[in-house]
């Protein structure tokens, strides 16, 4: 009996030890480690995607400083990135952009990219430059999120001969409300409604032209919204006329249009 208890205690001790060792700050929380954190045979090691947003990516990399040539003269390091649909030469430093890092956390570097195109796939890799030579890590891919249909327009209300009101609903899950890249875009992100008598104009292609600004629009700045609903009001409409409208989201300078709906103003009021 004593031998059995001793064996059981040893097994429990081993289990606790294995659980503790399985934890890794560079993993995904599920026990899956970032391969970059384990690689100690290359100078530059490309890490995992730490975060992805509508217009932002947080990328990681590793540097094994002990493998850098002894002189270490003029050492530079960082992460190179570019869109996967752009031309790419794995042996060249000329493609895409580069972000330099001056400090490492142990072996690890963390780079945050903002103001990026949404719903795109990107390639990236860690690099180290020393003594006139580049060392590259493995090329990996990352994707920024889509922002289509973040906002949905409801039915028009309070329709008169000259005006109408449209209430919109935000999907905060799709909007990634706390995504810093969404707030760091080149133009402050907006959501709203565009209204016109010509239904054929309510599409992504037309909204991404300057021409659409001649249509009726009502918008709200995305970062300033306090809840999941906001109201857009239209005035100076023509009586007894059918108007078509759709919700849109604008991030950076790119517009996405939602489903098209319509309302008809009443006849001219005579007083």
Protein backbone atom coordinates (compact mmCIF):
# COMPACT_ATOMS: atom_id res chain seq x y z
CA UNK A 1 0.00 0.00 0.00
CA UNK A 2 2.85 2.36 0.88
CA UNK A 3 4.53 1.63 -2.47
CA UNK A 4 1.30 2.37 -4.32
CA UNK A 5 0.90 5.74 -2.54
CA UNK A 6 4.52 6.65 -3.32
CA UNK A 7 4.00 5.80 -7.01
CA UNK A 8 0.79 7.89 -7.09
CA UNK A 9 2.53 10.90 -5.54
CA UNK A 10 5.36 10.67 -8.09
CA UNK A 11 2.85 10.56 -10.95
CA UNK A 12 1.01 13.63 -9.63
CA UNK A 13 4.29 15.50 -9.19
CA UNK A 14 5.30 14.72 -12.79
CA UNK A 15 1.90 15.86 -14.06
CA UNK A 16 2.17 19.20 -12.24
CA UNK A 17 5.70 19.70 -13.55
CA UNK A 18 4.62 18.96 -17.16
CA UNK A 19 1.68 21.40 -16.91
CA UNK A 20 3.93 24.19 -15.63
CA UNK A 21 6.49 23.63 -18.36
CA UNK A 22 3.82 23.66 -21.09
CA UNK A 23 3.06 27.33 -20.45
CA UNK A 24 4.64 29.69 -23.00
CA UNK A 25 4.22 33.45 -23.21
CA UNK A 26 4.71 33.24 -26.97
CA UNK A 27 1.95 30.70 -27.52
CA UNK A 28 -1.70 31.13 -28.44
CA UNK A 29 -3.07 30.25 -25.02
CA UNK A 30 -3.91 26.72 -26.18
CA UNK A 31 -0.48 25.23 -25.56
CA UNK A 32 0.63 25.80 -29.17
CA UNK A 33 4.01 27.50 -29.14
CA UNK A 34 5.23 30.02 -31.66
CA UNK A 35 7.86 28.11 -33.62
CA UNK A 36 9.99 31.26 -33.74
CA UNK A 37 10.49 31.19 -29.99
CA UNK A 38 11.97 27.69 -30.23
CA UNK A 39 14.36 28.31 -33.13
CA UNK A 40 17.91 28.96 -31.91
CA UNK A 41 19.76 27.91 -35.08
CA UNK A 42 19.16 30.96 -37.31
CA UNK A 43 20.22 34.59 -36.90
CA UNK A 44 16.75 35.94 -37.81
CA UNK A 45 13.56 34.07 -36.96
CA UNK A 46 10.07 35.12 -38.04
CA UNK A 47 7.50 34.90 -35.24
CA UNK A 48 3.72 34.65 -35.12
CA UNK A 49 0.95 37.21 -35.63
CA UNK A 50 0.19 38.55 -32.17
CA UNK A 51 -2.89 40.60 -33.15
CA UNK A 52 -4.81 41.45 -36.32
CA UNK A 53 -7.33 44.26 -36.78
CA UNK A 54 -9.17 46.12 -39.52
CA UNK A 55 -6.14 48.28 -40.29
CA UNK A 56 -3.47 46.96 -37.96
CA UNK A 57 -1.18 44.01 -37.39
CA UNK A 58 1.07 43.20 -34.45
CA UNK A 59 3.90 40.95 -35.64
CA UNK A 60 6.71 39.24 -33.75
CA UNK A 61 10.24 38.13 -34.58
CA UNK A 62 13.31 36.76 -32.85
CA UNK A 63 17.03 37.40 -33.12
CA UNK A 64 19.73 35.00 -31.96
CA UNK A 65 22.40 37.57 -31.17
CA UNK A 66 24.96 34.88 -30.37
CA UNK A 67 24.95 33.89 -34.05
CA UNK A 68 25.61 37.42 -35.35
CA UNK A 69 29.17 37.74 -36.75
CA UNK A 70 31.68 38.82 -34.13
CA UNK A 71 32.17 42.40 -35.28
CA UNK A 72 28.44 43.16 -35.25
CA UNK A 73 29.29 46.39 -37.08
CA UNK A 74 26.26 48.46 -38.12
CA UNK A 75 23.74 45.86 -36.99
CA UNK A 76 20.11 46.67 -37.86
CA UNK A 77 17.09 44.48 -37.30
CA UNK A 78 13.33 44.53 -37.77
CA UNK A 79 10.45 43.16 -39.80
CA UNK A 80 9.86 43.51 -43.54
CA UNK A 81 6.29 43.37 -44.86
CA UNK A 82 4.27 43.75 -48.06
CA UNK A 83 0.98 42.67 -49.62
CA UNK A 84 0.93 39.16 -51.02
CA UNK A 85 -0.41 40.39 -54.37
CA UNK A 86 2.62 42.68 -54.82
CA UNK A 87 5.78 41.52 -56.62
CA UNK A 88 8.09 39.59 -54.33
CA UNK A 89 11.72 38.51 -54.50
CA UNK A 90 12.70 36.39 -51.49
CA UNK A 91 16.36 37.27 -52.04
CA UNK A 92 15.79 41.02 -52.10
CA UNK A 93 15.20 43.63 -49.40
CA UNK A 94 13.59 45.97 -51.95
CA UNK A 95 9.95 44.80 -51.75
CA UNK A 96 7.38 46.17 -49.30
CA UNK A 97 8.28 48.23 -46.25
CA UNK A 98 10.62 47.82 -43.30
CA UNK A 99 10.18 48.60 -39.61
CA UNK A 100 13.41 48.81 -37.64
CA UNK A 101 13.64 47.74 -34.00
CA UNK A 102 16.28 49.07 -31.63
CA UNK A 103 15.47 47.02 -28.54
CA UNK A 104 14.70 43.35 -27.98
CA UNK A 105 12.79 41.76 -25.12
CA UNK A 106 15.23 38.95 -24.58
CA UNK A 107 15.36 37.57 -28.12
CA UNK A 108 11.94 38.86 -29.12
CA UNK A 109 10.87 41.93 -31.10
CA UNK A 110 7.30 43.20 -31.44
CA UNK A 111 6.23 45.46 -34.31
CA UNK A 112 2.86 47.19 -34.66
CA UNK A 113 1.73 48.25 -38.14
CA UNK A 114 -1.20 50.68 -38.49
CA UNK A 115 -3.02 52.47 -41.29
CA UNK A 116 -2.96 49.32 -43.42
CA UNK A 117 -5.48 48.32 -46.08
CA UNK A 118 -8.30 46.25 -44.60
CA UNK A 119 -9.26 42.76 -45.76
CA UNK A 120 -5.82 42.13 -47.30
CA UNK A 121 -3.31 39.36 -46.90
CA UNK A 122 0.24 40.41 -46.09
CA UNK A 123 3.62 38.66 -46.11
CA UNK A 124 6.27 39.42 -43.51
CA UNK A 125 9.63 38.20 -42.25
CA UNK A 126 12.25 39.11 -39.67
CA UNK A 127 15.56 40.49 -40.92
CA UNK A 128 18.98 41.25 -39.43
CA UNK A 129 21.55 43.37 -41.29
CA UNK A 130 25.19 43.20 -40.22
CA UNK A 131 28.53 43.72 -41.99
CA UNK A 132 26.81 44.48 -45.29
CA UNK A 133 24.76 41.27 -45.29
CA UNK A 134 21.07 40.55 -44.65
CA UNK A 135 19.84 37.51 -42.75
CA UNK A 136 16.16 36.68 -43.31
CA UNK A 137 13.71 34.59 -41.35
CA UNK A 138 10.97 32.48 -42.91
CA UNK A 139 8.36 34.42 -44.90
CA UNK A 140 4.90 34.11 -43.30
CA UNK A 141 1.46 35.60 -44.00
CA UNK A 142 -1.04 37.63 -41.97
CA UNK A 143 -4.45 39.11 -42.81
CA UNK A 144 -6.17 42.34 -41.81
CA UNK A 145 -9.89 42.03 -41.06
CA UNK A 146 -12.87 42.79 -43.28
CA UNK A 147 -15.24 45.60 -42.29
CA UNK A 148 -18.15 44.88 -44.68
CA UNK A 149 -21.62 45.22 -43.14
CA UNK A 150 -20.44 46.66 -39.84
CA UNK A 151 -23.44 48.99 -39.98
CA UNK A 152 -27.00 48.11 -41.04
CA UNK A 153 -29.65 50.66 -42.01
CA UNK A 154 -33.20 50.16 -40.77
CA UNK A 155 -36.47 51.23 -42.39
CA UNK A 156 -37.00 54.96 -42.88
CA UNK A 157 -39.28 56.68 -40.37
CA UNK A 158 -40.84 60.14 -39.93
CA UNK A 159 -41.09 60.40 -43.72
CA UNK A 160 -42.65 63.70 -44.86
CA UNK A 161 -42.77 65.50 -48.21
CA UNK A 162 -39.30 66.96 -47.57
CA UNK A 163 -37.51 64.78 -45.01
CA UNK A 164 -36.90 61.31 -43.58
CA UNK A 165 -35.01 59.67 -40.72
CA UNK A 166 -33.02 56.42 -40.86
CA UNK A 167 -31.83 54.57 -37.75
CA UNK A 168 -28.71 52.42 -38.12
CA UNK A 169 -27.37 49.56 -36.01
CA UNK A 170 -23.69 48.82 -35.41
CA UNK A 171 -22.28 45.29 -35.13
CA UNK A 172 -19.57 45.88 -32.55
CA UNK A 173 -18.20 42.36 -32.98
CA UNK A 174 -17.40 43.00 -36.63
CA UNK A 175 -16.33 46.56 -35.90
CA UNK A 176 -13.55 45.45 -33.52
CA UNK A 177 -14.32 48.46 -31.35
CA UNK A 178 -10.99 48.44 -29.55
CA UNK A 179 -8.89 47.84 -32.66
CA UNK A 180 -6.34 50.65 -32.54
CA UNK A 181 -5.69 50.38 -36.25
CA UNK A 182 -9.28 51.46 -36.81
CA UNK A 183 -8.53 54.68 -34.95
CA UNK A 184 -5.11 55.27 -36.50
CA UNK A 185 -6.28 55.41 -40.11
CA UNK A 186 -5.33 58.32 -42.37
CA UNK A 187 -8.87 59.73 -42.20
CA UNK A 188 -11.11 59.37 -39.17
CA UNK A 189 -13.36 56.32 -39.78
CA UNK A 190 -17.03 57.07 -40.44
CA UNK A 191 -20.31 55.19 -40.72
CA UNK A 192 -23.48 56.61 -42.20
CA UNK A 193 -26.16 56.55 -44.88
CA UNK A 194 -26.09 57.78 -48.47
CA UNK A 195 -29.37 58.64 -50.20
CA UNK A 196 -30.22 59.20 -53.90
CA UNK A 197 -32.98 58.83 -56.47
CA UNK A 198 -30.63 56.71 -58.63
CA UNK A 199 -30.42 53.19 -57.21
CA UNK A 200 -27.57 52.20 -59.52
CA UNK A 201 -25.16 54.52 -57.70
CA UNK A 202 -25.34 52.69 -54.38
CA UNK A 203 -22.42 50.31 -54.67
CA UNK A 204 -18.78 50.08 -53.58
CA UNK A 205 -17.40 51.13 -56.95
CA UNK A 206 -19.36 54.39 -57.06
CA UNK A 207 -18.88 55.25 -53.38
CA UNK A 208 -15.13 54.99 -53.86
CA UNK A 209 -15.26 57.79 -56.43
CA UNK A 210 -15.34 61.47 -55.53
CA UNK A 211 -18.62 61.83 -57.47
CA UNK A 212 -20.75 60.33 -54.70
CA UNK A 213 -20.21 63.36 -52.47
CA UNK A 214 -22.84 65.15 -54.54
CA UNK A 215 -25.47 62.78 -53.14
CA UNK A 216 -27.35 63.20 -49.86
CA UNK A 217 -25.21 61.88 -47.04
CA UNK A 218 -25.42 61.72 -43.28
CA UNK A 219 -22.65 60.24 -41.18
CA UNK A 220 -21.15 59.75 -37.74
CA UNK A 221 -17.49 59.46 -36.75
CA UNK A 222 -16.95 55.86 -35.76
CA UNK A 223 -14.69 56.41 -32.72
CA UNK A 224 -17.19 58.85 -31.19
CA UNK A 225 -20.19 56.51 -31.22
CA UNK A 226 -21.34 55.64 -27.73
CA UNK A 227 -23.74 52.75 -28.43
CA UNK A 228 -24.92 50.37 -31.13
CA UNK A 229 -27.46 52.74 -32.72
CA UNK A 230 -27.26 56.13 -34.39
CA UNK A 231 -29.68 58.22 -36.45
CA UNK A 232 -29.22 59.82 -39.87
CA UNK A 233 -31.62 62.59 -40.96
CA UNK A 234 -32.28 63.74 -44.53
CA UNK A 235 -33.94 67.01 -45.48
CA UNK A 236 -34.53 69.18 -48.56
CA UNK A 237 -35.98 66.16 -50.38
CA UNK A 238 -38.41 66.37 -53.27
CA UNK A 239 -42.12 65.60 -52.60
CA UNK A 240 -43.72 62.43 -53.96
CA UNK A 241 -40.33 60.96 -54.91
CA UNK A 242 -38.79 57.55 -54.28
CA UNK A 243 -35.35 57.66 -52.68
CA UNK A 244 -32.92 54.77 -52.37
CA UNK A 245 -30.43 54.56 -49.52
CA UNK A 246 -27.85 52.29 -47.96
CA UNK A 247 -25.61 52.28 -44.93
CA UNK A 248 -21.88 52.56 -45.51
CA UNK A 249 -18.63 52.22 -43.61
CA UNK A 250 -15.52 54.22 -44.50
CA UNK A 251 -12.07 53.27 -43.20
CA UNK A 252 -9.09 55.22 -44.47
CA UNK A 253 -10.38 56.24 -47.88
CA UNK A 254 -12.21 53.02 -48.71
CA UNK A 255 -16.02 52.77 -48.65
CA UNK A 256 -18.22 49.70 -48.28
CA UNK A 257 -21.93 49.91 -49.09
CA UNK A 258 -24.63 47.87 -47.36
CA UNK A 259 -27.95 46.53 -48.74
CA UNK A 260 -30.07 49.07 -50.64
CA UNK A 261 -33.48 50.12 -49.24
CA UNK A 262 -36.01 52.78 -50.23
CA UNK A 263 -38.73 55.19 -49.08
CA UNK A 264 -41.13 57.52 -50.89
CA UNK A 265 -41.81 61.05 -49.71
CA UNK A 266 -45.40 62.21 -49.38
CA UNK A 267 -47.10 64.73 -51.66
CA UNK A 268 -46.45 68.43 -51.13
CA UNK A 269 -48.22 69.72 -48.04
CA UNK A 270 -50.54 72.65 -48.69
CA UNK A 271 -51.26 74.98 -45.80
